[in-house]
């Protein structure tokens, strides 16, 4: 999940102001002040309707050595198509995009969906590498992944950890990002701000973060069955309208069996609330991120209305961080795992961002 301080205004949260419904995408609303297509841009194609759960698996996965990792990833679409990198969050995996990726591939995109560090088939190349998960570490992993595949620039799209990672790359390395889709808006972690309490209702939403800071939480994450039960509970809480079945959860839960899964997840949540120090390798990047750098690449932000982490205000509280071509959409009746719950809406946002 994303950091609690970003959503400190979520106390008393609503679904955001309703606006005009986007044609062909029921339940999607544009916020006032969105930016349309610029002069000279071609109109974005319309993504056909997609029934969630139409696809259950990806073609055979690939592996590539990239930076500190041997990265597992799915790839769909033509090898010379414009590149889209889809980034998952916690407690999820690449299957959040199992319907989105084929839809984008059918429109001619080369779609890459990597497992983040500590997930699925992504493993560390060396046993000596510290199993840390600072926000900049995950971003550098994605840049190394793009370098390994000789990708200079891509559309980045994500939710949860994936949004944060994409935001960081767009802020610090904008030349690598053609366009951005960021669910929940600007979610770069402000570690300093995490040192003070948020509203009680916001803190309540982050129960697992505080649980992870205890020995009990550590034991639960290191026990395979307790870990699965905890992750499934999070799915149910943050996506109250998503009627996923056992098979859907089990496909993703396979990613939790990675030997470094518990260490990576625990480090990330403990680090973001100041319980662990930033490694020297990542300190310069975290210093830059502490300034809340603006994002100037073409961006669409998405707010799932039923996600407890969606702040009130229809994106207004983070609008100032996006300085380039921009649009915002509130997605009604959808929870945290937006790409898997509403794949056509997410895929359309990717296409539209690419045409801003």
Protein backbone atom coordinates (compact mmCIF):
# COMPACT_ATOMS: atom_id res chain seq x y z
CA UNK A 1 0.00 0.00 0.00
CA UNK A 2 0.95 3.63 -0.42
CA UNK A 3 2.03 5.86 2.44
CA UNK A 4 -0.43 7.12 5.04
CA UNK A 5 0.85 10.71 5.12
CA UNK A 6 0.01 11.27 1.47
CA UNK A 7 -3.59 10.56 2.44
CA UNK A 8 -3.72 12.51 5.67
CA UNK A 9 -6.78 14.35 4.37
CA UNK A 10 -8.70 11.13 3.88
CA UNK A 11 -10.46 11.51 7.23
CA UNK A 12 -14.10 11.97 6.36
CA UNK A 13 -13.22 10.83 2.87
CA UNK A 14 -15.73 10.90 0.07
CA UNK A 15 -15.67 9.72 -3.49
CA UNK A 16 -14.74 13.08 -4.93
CA UNK A 17 -16.90 15.48 -6.87
CA UNK A 18 -18.89 13.85 -9.63
CA UNK A 19 -18.31 15.23 -13.11
CA UNK A 20 -19.06 14.38 -16.70
CA UNK A 21 -18.96 10.64 -17.42
CA UNK A 22 -16.32 9.63 -19.94
CA UNK A 23 -18.04 8.23 -23.01
CA UNK A 24 -17.83 4.47 -23.17
CA UNK A 25 -16.46 4.08 -19.65
CA UNK A 26 -19.31 3.90 -17.15
CA UNK A 27 -18.43 4.99 -13.63
CA UNK A 28 -15.55 7.22 -14.72
CA UNK A 29 -15.64 10.92 -13.97
CA UNK A 30 -13.32 13.70 -15.13
CA UNK A 31 -12.30 16.28 -12.58
CA UNK A 32 -12.65 19.93 -13.41
CA UNK A 33 -9.48 21.45 -14.81
CA UNK A 34 -8.35 18.36 -16.73
CA UNK A 35 -6.27 18.93 -19.84
CA UNK A 36 -7.46 17.60 -23.16
CA UNK A 37 -5.42 16.54 -26.18
CA UNK A 38 -2.85 19.09 -27.21
CA UNK A 39 -2.64 20.57 -30.67
CA UNK A 40 -1.31 18.13 -33.22
CA UNK A 41 -2.04 15.02 -31.17
CA UNK A 42 -4.03 12.22 -32.72
CA UNK A 43 -7.16 11.03 -30.97
CA UNK A 44 -6.66 8.09 -28.66
CA UNK A 45 -8.28 4.81 -29.73
CA UNK A 46 -11.07 3.43 -27.56
CA UNK A 47 -10.34 0.31 -25.56
CA UNK A 48 -13.09 -2.28 -26.13
CA UNK A 49 -15.13 -3.39 -23.10
CA UNK A 50 -13.36 -5.98 -20.95
CA UNK A 51 -15.08 -8.30 -18.51
CA UNK A 52 -12.83 -8.54 -15.44
CA UNK A 53 -11.43 -12.05 -15.15
CA UNK A 54 -11.55 -12.73 -18.89
CA UNK A 55 -7.90 -13.77 -18.70
CA UNK A 56 -6.34 -15.76 -15.89
CA UNK A 57 -2.74 -16.28 -16.98
CA UNK A 58 0.06 -14.70 -18.98
CA UNK A 59 2.10 -16.40 -21.69
CA UNK A 60 5.35 -17.95 -20.51
CA UNK A 61 7.25 -15.61 -18.22
CA UNK A 62 10.69 -14.25 -19.05
CA UNK A 63 13.74 -13.49 -16.91
CA UNK A 64 16.37 -10.80 -17.37
CA UNK A 65 19.36 -9.83 -15.23
CA UNK A 66 18.94 -6.17 -14.37
CA UNK A 67 20.93 -4.29 -11.76
CA UNK A 68 20.78 -6.21 -8.48
CA UNK A 69 18.05 -8.55 -9.66
CA UNK A 70 17.07 -11.38 -11.94
CA UNK A 71 13.69 -9.93 -12.90
CA UNK A 72 10.72 -12.09 -13.82
CA UNK A 73 8.26 -10.44 -16.15
CA UNK A 74 5.43 -10.96 -18.61
CA UNK A 75 5.63 -9.51 -22.11
CA UNK A 76 2.81 -9.12 -24.62
CA UNK A 77 2.41 -7.28 -27.91
CA UNK A 78 4.70 -6.50 -30.84
CA UNK A 79 8.40 -6.25 -30.00
CA UNK A 80 8.77 -2.91 -31.77
CA UNK A 81 5.59 -1.32 -30.44
CA UNK A 82 5.58 1.68 -28.10
CA UNK A 83 6.46 0.39 -24.64
CA UNK A 84 4.19 0.34 -21.61
CA UNK A 85 5.51 -0.83 -18.23
CA UNK A 86 2.79 -1.83 -15.76
CA UNK A 87 3.78 -1.84 -12.08
CA UNK A 88 1.93 -3.73 -9.35
CA UNK A 89 1.58 -3.02 -5.64
CA UNK A 90 1.25 -4.84 -2.32
CA UNK A 91 -0.24 -7.35 -1.61
CA UNK A 92 -0.61 -8.02 -5.32
CA UNK A 93 1.47 -9.17 -8.27
CA UNK A 94 1.54 -9.06 -12.07
CA UNK A 95 -1.93 -10.65 -12.25
CA UNK A 96 -3.41 -7.25 -11.42
CA UNK A 97 -2.77 -6.61 -15.13
CA UNK A 98 -3.86 -9.95 -16.54
CA UNK A 99 -6.73 -8.28 -18.44
CA UNK A 100 -5.13 -4.87 -19.04
CA UNK A 101 -1.99 -6.19 -20.75
CA UNK A 102 -3.75 -8.12 -23.57
CA UNK A 103 -5.99 -5.13 -24.27
CA UNK A 104 -3.00 -2.82 -24.70
CA UNK A 105 -1.10 -5.43 -26.72
CA UNK A 106 -4.06 -5.67 -29.09
CA UNK A 107 -3.69 -1.93 -29.73
CA UNK A 108 -0.05 -2.37 -30.74
CA UNK A 109 1.76 -1.68 -27.49
CA UNK A 110 4.70 -3.71 -26.24
CA UNK A 111 3.53 -4.40 -22.70
CA UNK A 112 5.95 -5.35 -19.92
CA UNK A 113 4.76 -6.41 -16.46
CA UNK A 114 7.64 -7.07 -14.04
CA UNK A 115 7.52 -8.65 -10.61
CA UNK A 116 8.90 -6.14 -8.10
CA UNK A 117 11.80 -7.14 -5.86
CA UNK A 118 10.87 -9.90 -3.44
CA UNK A 119 7.84 -10.97 -5.51
CA UNK A 120 7.23 -13.94 -7.75
CA UNK A 121 10.19 -15.00 -9.86
CA UNK A 122 12.22 -11.83 -9.28
CA UNK A 123 15.25 -12.75 -7.17
CA UNK A 124 18.45 -11.09 -6.00
CA UNK A 125 21.59 -11.98 -7.92
CA UNK A 126 23.69 -12.03 -4.77
CA UNK A 127 23.01 -13.36 -1.31
CA UNK A 128 25.09 -10.48 0.03
CA UNK A 129 22.77 -7.74 -1.23
CA UNK A 130 20.82 -6.22 1.66
CA UNK A 131 17.11 -7.06 1.36
CA UNK A 132 15.99 -3.46 1.63
CA UNK A 133 13.05 -1.74 -0.05
CA UNK A 134 13.42 2.02 0.13
CA UNK A 135 11.10 3.68 -2.38
CA UNK A 136 14.06 4.75 -4.53
CA UNK A 137 15.43 1.20 -4.53
CA UNK A 138 12.31 -0.08 -6.26
CA UNK A 139 12.45 2.79 -8.76
CA UNK A 140 16.07 2.03 -9.58
CA UNK A 141 15.10 -1.61 -10.09
CA UNK A 142 12.63 -0.56 -12.77
CA UNK A 143 15.18 1.68 -14.48
CA UNK A 144 17.66 -1.21 -14.49
CA UNK A 145 14.95 -3.44 -15.95
CA UNK A 146 14.35 -0.94 -18.76
CA UNK A 147 18.09 -0.65 -19.36
CA UNK A 148 18.49 -4.41 -19.55
CA UNK A 149 15.82 -4.55 -22.24
CA UNK A 150 17.30 -1.49 -24.01
CA UNK A 151 14.20 0.60 -23.48
CA UNK A 152 14.98 4.30 -23.44
CA UNK A 153 11.48 5.52 -22.72
CA UNK A 154 8.10 4.02 -21.79
CA UNK A 155 4.64 4.86 -20.60
CA UNK A 156 4.64 3.95 -16.90
CA UNK A 157 1.39 2.99 -15.19
CA UNK A 158 0.73 1.63 -11.75
CA UNK A 159 -1.17 1.49 -8.49
CA UNK A 160 -0.02 1.27 -4.89
CA UNK A 161 3.77 0.59 -4.82
CA UNK A 162 3.56 0.77 -8.61
CA UNK A 163 2.15 4.33 -8.57
CA UNK A 164 4.81 5.46 -6.16
CA UNK A 165 7.58 3.87 -8.24
CA UNK A 166 6.29 5.39 -11.47
CA UNK A 167 5.92 8.80 -9.79
CA UNK A 168 9.53 8.67 -8.60
CA UNK A 169 10.91 7.82 -12.03
CA UNK A 170 8.79 10.54 -13.63
CA UNK A 171 10.02 13.07 -11.06
CA UNK A 172 13.74 12.22 -11.04
CA UNK A 173 14.26 10.76 -14.51
CA UNK A 174 11.55 12.36 -16.68
CA UNK A 175 13.44 11.60 -19.89
CA UNK A 176 12.63 7.92 -19.32
CA UNK A 177 8.86 8.48 -19.08
CA UNK A 178 6.75 9.19 -22.16
CA UNK A 179 3.59 9.44 -20.05
CA UNK A 180 2.34 8.43 -16.62
CA UNK A 181 -0.78 6.85 -15.16
CA UNK A 182 -0.74 7.14 -11.38
CA UNK A 183 -3.55 5.63 -9.34
CA UNK A 184 -4.17 7.71 -6.20
CA UNK A 185 -2.18 10.61 -7.57
CA UNK A 186 1.12 11.82 -6.12
CA UNK A 187 2.22 9.11 -3.71
CA UNK A 188 5.94 9.70 -3.17
CA UNK A 189 6.55 8.98 0.52
CA UNK A 190 7.35 11.90 2.80
CA UNK A 191 9.32 10.08 5.48
CA UNK A 192 9.74 13.17 7.66
CA UNK A 193 5.98 13.82 7.70
CA UNK A 194 5.39 10.25 8.84
CA UNK A 195 6.89 11.11 12.21
CA UNK A 196 3.74 12.94 13.32
CA UNK A 197 0.30 11.34 13.78
CA UNK A 198 -2.38 11.55 11.15
CA UNK A 199 -6.11 11.66 11.90
CA UNK A 200 -7.31 8.61 13.82
CA UNK A 201 -9.37 7.31 10.90
CA UNK A 202 -6.33 7.49 8.63
CA UNK A 203 -4.16 5.67 11.15
CA UNK A 204 -6.86 3.01 11.42
CA UNK A 205 -6.60 2.33 7.68
CA UNK A 206 -2.93 1.54 8.15
CA UNK A 207 -3.41 -1.18 10.77
CA UNK A 208 -1.10 -3.61 8.97
CA UNK A 209 1.72 -1.04 8.83
CA UNK A 210 1.73 -0.83 12.62
CA UNK A 211 1.34 -4.61 12.85
CA UNK A 212 4.45 -5.02 10.68
CA UNK A 213 6.44 -2.89 13.10
CA UNK A 214 6.00 -5.54 15.81
CA UNK A 215 7.55 -8.96 16.31
CA UNK A 216 4.06 -10.46 16.02
CA UNK A 217 3.63 -8.93 12.58
CA UNK A 218 7.06 -10.15 11.52
CA UNK A 219 6.19 -13.68 12.60
CA UNK A 220 2.91 -13.54 10.70
CA UNK A 221 4.59 -12.38 7.50
CA UNK A 222 7.20 -15.11 7.80
CA UNK A 223 4.57 -17.83 8.24
CA UNK A 224 3.20 -18.76 4.78
CA UNK A 225 -0.38 -19.45 5.84
CA UNK A 226 -0.67 -16.45 8.15
CA UNK A 227 0.85 -14.26 5.45
CA UNK A 228 -1.73 -15.42 2.91
CA UNK A 229 -4.58 -14.88 5.35
CA UNK A 230 -3.39 -11.35 6.11
CA UNK A 231 -3.02 -10.47 2.43
CA UNK A 232 -6.44 -11.85 1.59
CA UNK A 233 -7.99 -9.77 4.38
CA UNK A 234 -6.35 -6.65 2.93
CA UNK A 235 -7.87 -7.46 -0.48
CA UNK A 236 -11.32 -7.70 1.09
CA UNK A 237 -11.02 -4.47 3.06
CA UNK A 238 -9.62 -2.22 0.36
CA UNK A 239 -11.76 -3.56 -2.52
CA UNK A 240 -15.19 -4.02 -0.90
CA UNK A 241 -17.05 -4.52 -4.20
CA UNK A 242 -14.57 -6.94 -5.78
CA UNK A 243 -16.01 -10.48 -5.67
CA UNK A 244 -12.77 -12.30 -6.43
CA UNK A 245 -12.75 -16.08 -6.15
CA UNK A 246 -10.27 -18.43 -4.48
CA UNK A 247 -8.49 -19.21 -7.74
CA UNK A 248 -7.86 -15.53 -8.45
CA UNK A 249 -6.31 -14.99 -5.04
CA UNK A 250 -4.24 -18.18 -5.19
CA UNK A 251 -2.70 -17.19 -8.53
CA UNK A 252 -1.39 -14.01 -6.96
CA UNK A 253 -0.50 -15.67 -3.64
CA UNK A 254 2.12 -17.74 -5.47
CA UNK A 255 4.14 -14.52 -5.71
CA UNK A 256 4.24 -14.34 -1.90
CA UNK A 257 6.31 -17.54 -1.72
CA UNK A 258 9.43 -15.70 -2.90
CA UNK A 259 12.12 -16.32 -0.25
CA UNK A 260 12.66 -12.58 0.20
CA UNK A 261 8.99 -11.58 0.25
CA UNK A 262 8.63 -11.06 4.00
CA UNK A 263 11.93 -9.22 4.31
CA UNK A 264 11.11 -6.81 1.48
CA UNK A 265 7.58 -6.05 2.65
CA UNK A 266 8.59 -5.61 6.28
CA UNK A 267 11.50 -3.36 5.37
CA UNK A 268 9.35 -1.15 3.18
CA UNK A 269 6.69 -0.50 5.81
CA UNK A 270 9.13 -0.17 8.68
CA UNK A 271 11.36 2.16 6.68
CA UNK A 272 8.59 4.51 5.62
CA UNK A 273 7.61 5.19 9.25
CA UNK A 274 11.20 5.84 10.27
CA UNK A 275 12.02 2.58 12.05
CA UNK A 276 14.83 1.70 9.64
CA UNK A 277 17.59 3.83 8.16
CA UNK A 278 17.99 4.52 4.47
CA UNK A 279 20.91 2.64 2.93
CA UNK A 280 23.87 4.70 1.69
CA UNK A 281 23.21 3.56 -1.88
CA UNK A 282 19.79 5.21 -1.86
CA UNK A 283 20.34 8.19 0.44
CA UNK A 284 21.04 10.73 -2.35
CA UNK A 285 17.80 9.83 -4.12
CA UNK A 286 15.77 9.94 -0.93
CA UNK A 287 17.18 13.41 -0.24
CA UNK A 288 15.86 14.53 -3.62
CA UNK A 289 12.48 12.92 -3.00
CA UNK A 290 12.18 14.66 0.37
CA UNK A 291 11.76 17.93 -1.53
CA UNK A 292 8.51 16.63 -3.13
CA UNK A 293 9.72 17.14 -6.71
CA UNK A 294 7.14 18.10 -9.31
CA UNK A 295 6.21 15.81 -12.20
CA UNK A 296 6.16 17.40 -15.64
CA UNK A 297 5.46 14.44 -17.93
CA UNK A 298 1.96 13.96 -19.40
CA UNK A 299 -0.08 12.38 -16.60
CA UNK A 300 -3.48 10.94 -15.85
CA UNK A 301 -4.30 10.37 -12.18
CA UNK A 302 -7.00 7.92 -11.12
CA UNK A 303 -8.92 7.82 -7.84
CA UNK A 304 -10.83 4.58 -7.11
CA UNK A 305 -13.81 5.86 -5.13
CA UNK A 306 -14.18 2.82 -2.85
CA UNK A 307 -10.50 2.64 -1.94
CA UNK A 308 -10.16 3.70 1.72
CA UNK A 309 -6.89 5.42 0.81
CA UNK A 310 -8.50 7.73 -1.75
CA UNK A 311 -8.52 11.26 -0.32
CA UNK A 312 -11.46 13.60 -0.53
CA UNK A 313 -11.31 16.43 -3.02
CA UNK A 314 -11.28 14.64 -6.38
CA UNK A 315 -7.53 14.93 -6.75
CA UNK A 316 -7.33 18.60 -5.76
CA UNK A 317 -4.93 18.00 -2.88
CA UNK A 318 -2.19 16.68 -5.17
CA UNK A 319 -2.93 18.61 -8.39
CA UNK A 320 -0.07 21.06 -7.76
CA UNK A 321 2.54 18.32 -8.11
CA UNK A 322 1.74 17.71 -11.79
CA UNK A 323 2.93 20.52 -14.04
CA UNK A 324 2.61 18.99 -17.52
CA UNK A 325 -0.38 17.93 -19.63
CA UNK A 326 -2.81 16.44 -17.13
CA UNK A 327 -6.18 14.80 -16.57
CA UNK A 328 -7.82 13.35 -13.46
CA UNK A 329 -10.54 10.72 -13.22
CA UNK A 330 -12.51 9.41 -10.29
CA UNK A 331 -13.65 5.81 -10.81
CA UNK A 332 -16.93 5.08 -9.07
CA UNK A 333 -17.72 1.71 -7.39
CA UNK A 334 -14.12 0.47 -7.68
CA UNK A 335 -11.62 -0.30 -4.93
CA UNK A 336 -7.86 -0.32 -4.53
CA UNK A 337 -6.87 -2.92 -7.15
CA UNK A 338 -8.18 -0.76 -9.97
CA UNK A 339 -6.55 -2.47 -12.97
CA UNK A 340 -7.91 -5.89 -12.05
CA UNK A 341 -11.31 -4.61 -10.96
CA UNK A 342 -11.82 -2.25 -13.92
CA UNK A 343 -9.33 -3.24 -16.63
CA UNK A 344 -10.95 -1.31 -19.48
CA UNK A 345 -10.88 1.92 -17.46
CA UNK A 346 -7.22 1.46 -16.56
CA UNK A 347 -6.19 0.47 -20.10
CA UNK A 348 -8.04 3.48 -21.51
CA UNK A 349 -6.17 5.76 -19.11
CA UNK A 350 -2.87 4.36 -20.41
CA UNK A 351 -3.87 4.99 -24.02
CA UNK A 352 -5.19 8.47 -23.25
CA UNK A 353 -2.06 9.43 -21.28
CA UNK A 354 0.04 8.37 -24.25
CA UNK A 355 -1.99 10.81 -26.37
CA UNK A 356 -1.98 13.81 -24.02
